């Protein structure tokens, strides 16, 4: 699996719980982050390069654990690594949102590039044509997550800045999709701001469920043996380990992060 940096580690954490016997290889393209402010063509090129690097490790499934890369680069990745099943975070999240909403009014918070690409809106409308989709770029939430400012007045203020106007409408969305893999670490504070009535869709959890189903359906899921983790980064293995440990929910030894060049 790959991401532009460390946000995809929330997806890895969910996968580790869903598939306790699998061997995981994670690549964070930390030298070129953030993807969320770059053009679609550039992100698609980066995604293909990351996918090619991972395919050389003999993997049996590829997870695009980055909403921005999945929104604009999934087709390019699938065209390049045809022998592997490729799962992105957009489609599982859209499916879960359609299942969760009662009113059909769904909000998506994501990076600028994900919103600009419109992938969530298309995926939701393919599944529910009468849905009303509100997309909000929320780039500052990425910085909050990486700095560990996930609770308290600063986090509450920034989340309120983005979400309060929309959810204060007379007919607000009843479902919120966390359309960036950084955002799950902010879920408790988002819940505090929005209250219990809003359904929150975590793309990390939905992607893990989709990967598990794919492996089981194909008969290639490991049902025994120890789980293993391998980490690669394109820059700053020490920072990757330090910040990434918060996203993964366990300590990452920087000595176990391989520095690679794409």
C-alpha atoms as a PDB file:
ATOM      1  CA  UNK A   1       0.000   0.000   0.000  1.00  0.00           C
ATOM      2  CA  UNK A   2       1.129   3.550  -0.563  1.00  0.00           C
ATOM      3  CA  UNK A   3       0.273   7.097   0.405  1.00  0.00           C
ATOM      4  CA  UNK A   4       1.806  10.492  -0.158  1.00  0.00           C
ATOM      5  CA  UNK A   5       3.135  10.282   3.387  1.00  0.00           C
ATOM      6  CA  UNK A   6       1.826   9.021   6.697  1.00  0.00           C
ATOM      7  CA  UNK A   7      -1.956   9.457   6.515  1.00  0.00           C
ATOM      8  CA  UNK A   8      -2.347   6.036   4.932  1.00  0.00           C
ATOM      9  CA  UNK A   9      -1.083   4.510   8.158  1.00  0.00           C
ATOM     10  CA  UNK A  10      -4.649   4.884   9.465  1.00  0.00           C
ATOM     11  CA  UNK A  11      -5.661   2.505   6.666  1.00  0.00           C
ATOM     12  CA  UNK A  12      -2.802   0.176   7.574  1.00  0.00           C
ATOM     13  CA  UNK A  13      -3.928   0.159  11.213  1.00  0.00           C
ATOM     14  CA  UNK A  14      -7.428  -0.860  10.127  1.00  0.00           C
ATOM     15  CA  UNK A  15      -6.023  -3.520   7.781  1.00  0.00           C
ATOM     16  CA  UNK A  16      -3.888  -4.963  10.556  1.00  0.00           C
ATOM     17  CA  UNK A  17      -7.001  -5.475  12.668  1.00  0.00           C
ATOM     18  CA  UNK A  18      -9.008  -6.924   9.776  1.00  0.00           C
ATOM     19  CA  UNK A  19      -6.250  -9.232   8.487  1.00  0.00           C
ATOM     20  CA  UNK A  20      -4.154 -10.424  11.434  1.00  0.00           C
ATOM     21  CA  UNK A  21      -2.039 -12.893   9.428  1.00  0.00           C
ATOM     22  CA  UNK A  22      -1.037 -10.798   6.429  1.00  0.00           C
ATOM     23  CA  UNK A  23       2.323  -9.324   5.493  1.00  0.00           C
ATOM     24  CA  UNK A  24       2.130  -5.597   4.766  1.00  0.00           C
ATOM     25  CA  UNK A  25       4.483  -3.371   2.786  1.00  0.00           C
ATOM     26  CA  UNK A  26       3.850   0.358   3.217  1.00  0.00           C
ATOM     27  CA  UNK A  27       5.383   3.121   1.098  1.00  0.00           C
ATOM     28  CA  UNK A  28       5.130   6.775   2.070  1.00  0.00           C
ATOM     29  CA  UNK A  29       6.192   9.188  -0.686  1.00  0.00           C
ATOM     30  CA  UNK A  30       7.348  11.738   1.888  1.00  0.00           C
ATOM     31  CA  UNK A  31       9.785  13.464  -0.485  1.00  0.00           C
ATOM     32  CA  UNK A  32       6.933  14.722  -2.667  1.00  0.00           C
ATOM     33  CA  UNK A  33       4.081  15.332  -0.254  1.00  0.00           C
ATOM     34  CA  UNK A  34       1.548  16.825  -0.140  1.00  0.00           C
ATOM     35  CA  UNK A  35      -0.265  15.356  -3.130  1.00  0.00           C
ATOM     36  CA  UNK A  36      -3.385  17.336  -2.262  1.00  0.00           C
ATOM     37  CA  UNK A  37      -2.204  20.625  -3.778  1.00  0.00           C
ATOM     38  CA  UNK A  38      -0.649  19.200  -6.960  1.00  0.00           C
ATOM     39  CA  UNK A  39      -2.138  18.741 -10.433  1.00  0.00           C
ATOM     40  CA  UNK A  40      -3.983  15.578 -11.374  1.00  0.00           C
ATOM     41  CA  UNK A  41      -1.342  14.684 -13.965  1.00  0.00           C
ATOM     42  CA  UNK A  42       1.479  14.958 -11.447  1.00  0.00           C
ATOM     43  CA  UNK A  43      -0.348  12.913  -8.799  1.00  0.00           C
ATOM     44  CA  UNK A  44      -1.198  10.191 -11.312  1.00  0.00           C
ATOM     45  CA  UNK A  45       2.465   9.974 -12.329  1.00  0.00           C
ATOM     46  CA  UNK A  46       3.584   9.724  -8.717  1.00  0.00           C
ATOM     47  CA  UNK A  47       0.963   7.054  -8.021  1.00  0.00           C
ATOM     48  CA  UNK A  48       2.147   4.898 -10.913  1.00  0.00           C
ATOM     49  CA  UNK A  49       5.760   5.172  -9.756  1.00  0.00           C
ATOM     50  CA  UNK A  50       4.807   4.120  -6.216  1.00  0.00           C
ATOM     51  CA  UNK A  51       2.728   1.224  -7.530  1.00  0.00           C
ATOM     52  CA  UNK A  52       5.600  -0.007  -9.681  1.00  0.00           C
ATOM     53  CA  UNK A  53       7.982   0.105  -6.717  1.00  0.00           C
ATOM     54  CA  UNK A  54       5.592  -1.962  -4.586  1.00  0.00           C
ATOM     55  CA  UNK A  55       4.863  -4.477  -7.344  1.00  0.00           C
ATOM     56  CA  UNK A  56       8.542  -5.440  -7.300  1.00  0.00           C
ATOM     57  CA  UNK A  57       8.057  -6.732  -3.746  1.00  0.00           C
ATOM     58  CA  UNK A  58       5.872  -9.622  -4.886  1.00  0.00           C
ATOM     59  CA  UNK A  59       2.661  -8.259  -3.384  1.00  0.00           C
ATOM     60  CA  UNK A  60      -0.689  -9.925  -4.106  1.00  0.00           C
ATOM     61  CA  UNK A  61      -2.888  -6.837  -3.709  1.00  0.00           C
ATOM     62  CA  UNK A  62      -2.218  -3.114  -3.998  1.00  0.00           C
ATOM     63  CA  UNK A  63      -4.017  -0.549  -1.844  1.00  0.00           C
ATOM     64  CA  UNK A  64      -3.974   3.104  -2.878  1.00  0.00           C
ATOM     65  CA  UNK A  65      -4.220   4.452   0.676  1.00  0.00           C
ATOM     66  CA  UNK A  66      -4.381   8.080  -0.394  1.00  0.00           C
ATOM     67  CA  UNK A  67      -7.642   9.772  -1.309  1.00  0.00           C
ATOM     68  CA  UNK A  68      -5.946  12.226  -3.663  1.00  0.00           C
ATOM     69  CA  UNK A  69      -4.068   9.500  -5.535  1.00  0.00           C
ATOM     70  CA  UNK A  70      -7.165   7.306  -5.664  1.00  0.00           C
ATOM     71  CA  UNK A  71      -9.287  10.182  -6.962  1.00  0.00           C
ATOM     72  CA  UNK A  72      -7.082  10.991  -9.968  1.00  0.00           C
ATOM     73  CA  UNK A  73      -4.631   8.113 -10.399  1.00  0.00           C
ATOM     74  CA  UNK A  74      -6.497   4.859  -9.805  1.00  0.00           C
ATOM     75  CA  UNK A  75      -7.131   4.103 -13.490  1.00  0.00           C
ATOM     76  CA  UNK A  76      -3.492   4.806 -14.367  1.00  0.00           C
ATOM     77  CA  UNK A  77      -2.296   2.492 -11.589  1.00  0.00           C
ATOM     78  CA  UNK A  78      -4.655  -0.293 -12.662  1.00  0.00           C
ATOM     79  CA  UNK A  79      -3.485   0.038 -16.252  1.00  0.00           C
ATOM     80  CA  UNK A  80       0.151  -0.288 -15.207  1.00  0.00           C
ATOM     81  CA  UNK A  81      -0.138  -3.201 -12.722  1.00  0.00           C
ATOM     82  CA  UNK A  82      -2.752  -5.293 -14.474  1.00  0.00           C
ATOM     83  CA  UNK A  83      -1.801  -8.522 -12.712  1.00  0.00           C
ATOM     84  CA  UNK A  84      -2.776  -7.201  -9.265  1.00  0.00           C
ATOM     85  CA  UNK A  85      -6.107  -6.279  -7.727  1.00  0.00           C
ATOM     86  CA  UNK A  86      -5.967  -2.553  -6.946  1.00  0.00           C
ATOM     87  CA  UNK A  87      -8.225  -1.070  -4.298  1.00  0.00           C
ATOM     88  CA  UNK A  88      -8.552   2.641  -3.599  1.00  0.00           C
ATOM     89  CA  UNK A  89     -10.162   4.433  -0.694  1.00  0.00           C
ATOM     90  CA  UNK A  90     -12.824   6.322  -2.686  1.00  0.00           C
ATOM     91  CA  UNK A  91     -15.228   3.580  -3.729  1.00  0.00           C
ATOM     92  CA  UNK A  92     -15.492   1.838  -0.325  1.00  0.00           C
ATOM     93  CA  UNK A  93     -16.097   5.216   1.317  1.00  0.00           C
ATOM     94  CA  UNK A  94     -18.788   6.152  -1.195  1.00  0.00           C
ATOM     95  CA  UNK A  95     -20.513   2.806  -0.742  1.00  0.00           C
ATOM     96  CA  UNK A  96     -20.505   3.199   3.038  1.00  0.00           C
ATOM     97  CA  UNK A  97     -21.825   6.757   2.801  1.00  0.00           C
ATOM     98  CA  UNK A  98     -24.750   5.672   0.644  1.00  0.00           C
ATOM     99  CA  UNK A  99     -25.543   2.907   3.114  1.00  0.00           C
ATOM    100  CA  UNK A 100     -25.307   5.275   6.090  1.00  0.00           C
ATOM    101  CA  UNK A 101     -27.353   8.235   4.879  1.00  0.00           C
ATOM    102  CA  UNK A 102     -31.089   8.447   5.457  1.00  0.00           C
ATOM    103  CA  UNK A 103     -31.707  11.776   3.732  1.00  0.00           C
ATOM    104  CA  UNK A 104     -29.248  11.367   0.852  1.00  0.00           C
ATOM    105  CA  UNK A 105     -27.506  14.587   1.881  1.00  0.00           C
ATOM    106  CA  UNK A 106     -23.806  13.765   2.259  1.00  0.00           C
ATOM    107  CA  UNK A 107     -20.801  15.962   3.035  1.00  0.00           C
ATOM    108  CA  UNK A 108     -17.241  15.080   2.065  1.00  0.00           C
ATOM    109  CA  UNK A 109     -14.170  16.750   3.558  1.00  0.00           C
ATOM    110  CA  UNK A 110     -10.920  16.154   1.705  1.00  0.00           C
ATOM    111  CA  UNK A 111      -7.851  17.807   0.205  1.00  0.00           C
ATOM    112  CA  UNK A 112      -8.099  20.412  -2.532  1.00  0.00           C
ATOM    113  CA  UNK A 113      -7.121  17.921  -5.248  1.00  0.00           C
ATOM    114  CA  UNK A 114      -9.637  15.295  -4.131  1.00  0.00           C
ATOM    115  CA  UNK A 115     -12.447  17.846  -4.089  1.00  0.00           C
ATOM    116  CA  UNK A 116     -11.341  19.322  -7.415  1.00  0.00           C
ATOM    117  CA  UNK A 117     -11.308  15.864  -9.008  1.00  0.00           C
ATOM    118  CA  UNK A 118     -14.881  15.156  -7.883  1.00  0.00           C
ATOM    119  CA  UNK A 119     -14.274  11.428  -7.453  1.00  0.00           C
ATOM    120  CA  UNK A 120     -16.352  11.087  -4.287  1.00  0.00           C
ATOM    121  CA  UNK A 121     -19.278  12.911  -5.841  1.00  0.00           C
ATOM    122  CA  UNK A 122     -19.186  10.694  -8.929  1.00  0.00           C
ATOM    123  CA  UNK A 123     -18.857   7.506  -6.887  1.00  0.00           C
ATOM    124  CA  UNK A 124     -21.734   8.468  -4.591  1.00  0.00           C
ATOM    125  CA  UNK A 125     -24.030   9.495  -7.440  1.00  0.00           C
ATOM    126  CA  UNK A 126     -23.297   6.254  -9.284  1.00  0.00           C
ATOM    127  CA  UNK A 127     -24.680   4.415  -6.269  1.00  0.00           C
ATOM    128  CA  UNK A 128     -27.440   6.832  -5.344  1.00  0.00           C
ATOM    129  CA  UNK A 129     -28.566   9.116  -8.150  1.00  0.00           C
ATOM    130  CA  UNK A 130     -30.743  11.267  -5.885  1.00  0.00           C
ATOM    131  CA  UNK A 131     -27.937  12.044  -3.432  1.00  0.00           C
ATOM    132  CA  UNK A 132     -26.952  15.622  -2.673  1.00  0.00           C
ATOM    133  CA  UNK A 133     -23.192  15.842  -2.159  1.00  0.00           C
ATOM    134  CA  UNK A 134     -21.372  18.749  -0.537  1.00  0.00           C
ATOM    135  CA  UNK A 135     -17.576  18.741  -0.954  1.00  0.00           C
ATOM    136  CA  UNK A 136     -15.326  20.821   1.283  1.00  0.00           C
ATOM    137  CA  UNK A 137     -11.540  21.206   0.916  1.00  0.00           C
ATOM    138  CA  UNK A 138     -10.092  21.105   4.444  1.00  0.00           C
ATOM    139  CA  UNK A 139      -6.333  21.246   3.991  1.00  0.00           C
ATOM    140  CA  UNK A 140      -5.626  22.657   7.459  1.00  0.00           C
ATOM    141  CA  UNK A 141      -6.917  19.454   9.039  1.00  0.00           C
ATOM    142  CA  UNK A 142      -3.975  17.618   7.476  1.00  0.00           C
ATOM    143  CA  UNK A 143      -1.556  19.906   9.297  1.00  0.00           C
ATOM    144  CA  UNK A 144      -3.443  19.500  12.575  1.00  0.00           C
ATOM    145  CA  UNK A 145      -3.261  15.733  12.311  1.00  0.00           C
ATOM    146  CA  UNK A 146       0.463  15.706  11.538  1.00  0.00           C
ATOM    147  CA  UNK A 147       1.245  18.089  14.393  1.00  0.00           C
ATOM    148  CA  UNK A 148      -0.743  15.972  16.826  1.00  0.00           C
ATOM    149  CA  UNK A 149      -3.242  18.788  17.461  1.00  0.00           C
ATOM    150  CA  UNK A 150      -6.219  16.453  17.294  1.00  0.00           C
ATOM    151  CA  UNK A 151      -8.140  17.687  20.323  1.00  0.00           C
ATOM    152  CA  UNK A 152      -8.581  20.872  22.332  1.00  0.00           C
ATOM    153  CA  UNK A 153      -9.522  24.424  21.338  1.00  0.00           C
ATOM    154  CA  UNK A 154      -7.249  24.684  18.281  1.00  0.00           C
ATOM    155  CA  UNK A 155      -8.629  21.516  16.667  1.00  0.00           C
ATOM    156  CA  UNK A 156     -12.186  22.416  17.635  1.00  0.00           C
ATOM    157  CA  UNK A 157     -11.794  25.895  16.167  1.00  0.00           C
ATOM    158  CA  UNK A 158     -10.437  24.721  12.808  1.00  0.00           C
ATOM    159  CA  UNK A 159     -13.026  21.948  12.485  1.00  0.00           C
ATOM    160  CA  UNK A 160     -15.804  24.410  13.339  1.00  0.00           C
ATOM    161  CA  UNK A 161     -14.406  26.828  10.742  1.00  0.00           C
ATOM    162  CA  UNK A 162     -14.829  24.223   8.021  1.00  0.00           C
ATOM    163  CA  UNK A 163     -17.957  22.383   9.122  1.00  0.00           C
ATOM    164  CA  UNK A 164     -20.138  24.628  11.285  1.00  0.00           C
ATOM    165  CA  UNK A 165     -21.614  26.741   8.426  1.00  0.00           C
ATOM    166  CA  UNK A 166     -22.700  23.671   6.473  1.00  0.00           C
ATOM    167  CA  UNK A 167     -24.056  21.707   9.408  1.00  0.00           C
ATOM    168  CA  UNK A 168     -25.891  24.745  10.780  1.00  0.00           C
ATOM    169  CA  UNK A 169     -28.154  24.888   7.712  1.00  0.00           C
ATOM    170  CA  UNK A 170     -31.889  24.178   8.187  1.00  0.00           C
ATOM    171  CA  UNK A 171     -31.426  20.873   6.332  1.00  0.00           C
ATOM    172  CA  UNK A 172     -27.812  19.848   6.983  1.00  0.00           C
ATOM    173  CA  UNK A 173     -26.128  16.676   5.744  1.00  0.00           C
ATOM    174  CA  UNK A 174     -26.777  13.640   7.901  1.00  0.00           C
ATOM    175  CA  UNK A 175     -23.537  11.909   6.854  1.00  0.00           C
ATOM    176  CA  UNK A 176     -19.919  13.087   6.743  1.00  0.00           C
ATOM    177  CA  UNK A 177     -17.239  11.239   4.763  1.00  0.00           C
ATOM    178  CA  UNK A 178     -13.675  11.639   6.012  1.00  0.00           C
ATOM    179  CA  UNK A 179     -12.174  11.874   2.543  1.00  0.00           C
ATOM    180  CA  UNK A 180      -8.539  12.043   3.616  1.00  0.00           C
ATOM    181  CA  UNK A 181      -6.657   9.335   5.463  1.00  0.00           C
ATOM    182  CA  UNK A 182      -5.310  11.923   7.930  1.00  0.00           C
ATOM    183  CA  UNK A 183      -8.769  12.725   9.220  1.00  0.00           C
ATOM    184  CA  UNK A 184      -9.668   9.591  11.242  1.00  0.00           C
ATOM    185  CA  UNK A 185      -7.350  10.727  14.055  1.00  0.00           C
ATOM    186  CA  UNK A 186      -9.598  13.795  14.369  1.00  0.00           C
ATOM    187  CA  UNK A 187     -12.826  11.791  14.609  1.00  0.00           C
ATOM    188  CA  UNK A 188     -13.460  12.327  18.359  1.00  0.00           C
ATOM    189  CA  UNK A 189     -13.153  16.106  17.983  1.00  0.00           C
ATOM    190  CA  UNK A 190     -15.248  16.133  14.808  1.00  0.00           C
ATOM    191  CA  UNK A 191     -17.886  14.234  16.774  1.00  0.00           C
ATOM    192  CA  UNK A 192     -17.718  16.830  19.564  1.00  0.00           C
ATOM    193  CA  UNK A 193     -18.256  19.649  17.077  1.00  0.00           C
ATOM    194  CA  UNK A 194     -21.061  18.023  15.060  1.00  0.00           C
ATOM    195  CA  UNK A 195     -22.871  16.095  17.771  1.00  0.00           C
ATOM    196  CA  UNK A 196     -24.168  12.518  17.788  1.00  0.00           C
ATOM    197  CA  UNK A 197     -26.762  12.884  15.030  1.00  0.00           C
ATOM    198  CA  UNK A 198     -24.276  12.990  12.133  1.00  0.00           C
ATOM    199  CA  UNK A 199     -23.033   9.670  10.759  1.00  0.00           C
ATOM    200  CA  UNK A 200     -19.276   9.697  10.185  1.00  0.00           C
ATOM    201  CA  UNK A 201     -17.783   7.451   7.493  1.00  0.00           C
ATOM    202  CA  UNK A 202     -14.126   6.552   8.053  1.00  0.00           C
ATOM    203  CA  UNK A 203     -12.473   5.661   4.729  1.00  0.00           C
ATOM    204  CA  UNK A 204      -9.772   3.680   6.567  1.00  0.00           C
ATOM    205  CA  UNK A 205     -12.296   1.246   8.024  1.00  0.00           C
ATOM    206  CA  UNK A 206     -14.286   0.916   4.807  1.00  0.00           C
ATOM    207  CA  UNK A 207     -11.139   0.280   2.761  1.00  0.00           C
ATOM    208  CA  UNK A 208      -9.935  -2.389   5.175  1.00  0.00           C
ATOM    209  CA  UNK A 209     -13.281  -4.171   4.862  1.00  0.00           C
ATOM    210  CA  UNK A 210     -13.063  -3.994   1.053  1.00  0.00           C
ATOM    211  CA  UNK A 211      -9.520  -5.419   1.005  1.00  0.00           C
ATOM    212  CA  UNK A 212     -10.487  -8.245   3.351  1.00  0.00           C
ATOM    213  CA  UNK A 213     -13.459  -9.131   1.150  1.00  0.00           C
ATOM    214  CA  UNK A 214     -11.276  -9.042  -1.988  1.00  0.00           C
ATOM    215  CA  UNK A 215      -8.680 -11.410  -0.523  1.00  0.00           C
ATOM    216  CA  UNK A 216     -11.264 -13.809   0.868  1.00  0.00           C
ATOM    217  CA  UNK A 217     -13.247 -13.888  -2.388  1.00  0.00           C
ATOM    218  CA  UNK A 218     -10.073 -14.595  -4.345  1.00  0.00           C
ATOM    219  CA  UNK A 219      -8.991 -17.275  -1.891  1.00  0.00           C
ATOM    220  CA  UNK A 220      -5.641 -15.587  -1.234  1.00  0.00           C
ATOM    221  CA  UNK A 221      -6.095 -14.392   2.345  1.00  0.00           C
ATOM    222  CA  UNK A 222      -3.588 -15.765   4.846  1.00  0.00           C
ATOM    223  CA  UNK A 223      -5.377 -17.618   7.625  1.00  0.00           C
ATOM    224  CA  UNK A 224      -2.323 -18.536   9.688  1.00  0.00           C
ATOM    225  CA  UNK A 225       1.149 -17.244  10.415  1.00  0.00           C
ATOM    226  CA  UNK A 226       2.539 -14.083  11.938  1.00  0.00           C
ATOM    227  CA  UNK A 227       1.668 -10.631  10.759  1.00  0.00           C
ATOM    228  CA  UNK A 228       4.614  -8.579   9.482  1.00  0.00           C
ATOM    229  CA  UNK A 229       5.207  -4.942   8.576  1.00  0.00           C
ATOM    230  CA  UNK A 230       7.699  -3.385   6.190  1.00  0.00           C
ATOM    231  CA  UNK A 231       8.031   0.382   5.854  1.00  0.00           C
ATOM    232  CA  UNK A 232       9.560   2.465   3.078  1.00  0.00           C
ATOM    233  CA  UNK A 233       9.769   6.238   2.682  1.00  0.00           C
ATOM    234  CA  UNK A 234      11.244   8.503   0.026  1.00  0.00           C
ATOM    235  CA  UNK A 235      12.531  11.047   2.565  1.00  0.00           C
ATOM    236  CA  UNK A 236      12.903  11.630   6.296  1.00  0.00           C
ATOM    237  CA  UNK A 237      12.601   8.142   7.820  1.00  0.00           C
ATOM    238  CA  UNK A 238      13.018   9.600  11.307  1.00  0.00           C
ATOM    239  CA  UNK A 239      10.080  11.972  10.904  1.00  0.00           C
ATOM    240  CA  UNK A 240       8.066   9.257   9.174  1.00  0.00           C
ATOM    241  CA  UNK A 241       8.574   7.029  12.212  1.00  0.00           C
ATOM    242  CA  UNK A 242       7.928   9.751  14.790  1.00  0.00           C
ATOM    243  CA  UNK A 243       4.756  11.209  13.284  1.00  0.00           C
ATOM    244  CA  UNK A 244       3.590   7.965  11.736  1.00  0.00           C
ATOM    245  CA  UNK A 245       3.531   6.238  15.100  1.00  0.00           C
ATOM    246  CA  UNK A 246       0.543   8.417  16.067  1.00  0.00           C
ATOM    247  CA  UNK A 247      -1.362   7.422  12.950  1.00  0.00           C
ATOM    248  CA  UNK A 248      -0.543   3.727  13.210  1.00  0.00           C
ATOM    249  CA  UNK A 249      -1.238   3.584  16.932  1.00  0.00           C
ATOM    250  CA  UNK A 250       2.038   1.853  17.710  1.00  0.00           C
ATOM    251  CA  UNK A 251       5.698   2.770  17.758  1.00  0.00           C
ATOM    252  CA  UNK A 252       7.605   2.650  14.467  1.00  0.00           C
ATOM    253  CA  UNK A 253      11.354   2.147  14.795  1.00  0.00           C
ATOM    254  CA  UNK A 254      13.053   4.588  12.390  1.00  0.00           C
ATOM    255  CA  UNK A 255      15.781   1.988  11.815  1.00  0.00           C
ATOM    256  CA  UNK A 256      13.114  -0.201  10.203  1.00  0.00           C
ATOM    257  CA  UNK A 257      12.080   2.468   7.670  1.00  0.00           C
ATOM    258  CA  UNK A 258      13.890   1.870   4.391  1.00  0.00           C
ATOM    259  CA  UNK A 259      14.783   4.998   2.427  1.00  0.00           C
ATOM    260  CA  UNK A 260      14.097   4.529  -1.282  1.00  0.00           C
ATOM    261  CA  UNK A 261      14.113   6.660  -4.435  1.00  0.00           C
ATOM    262  CA  UNK A 262      11.246   6.529  -6.911  1.00  0.00           C
END
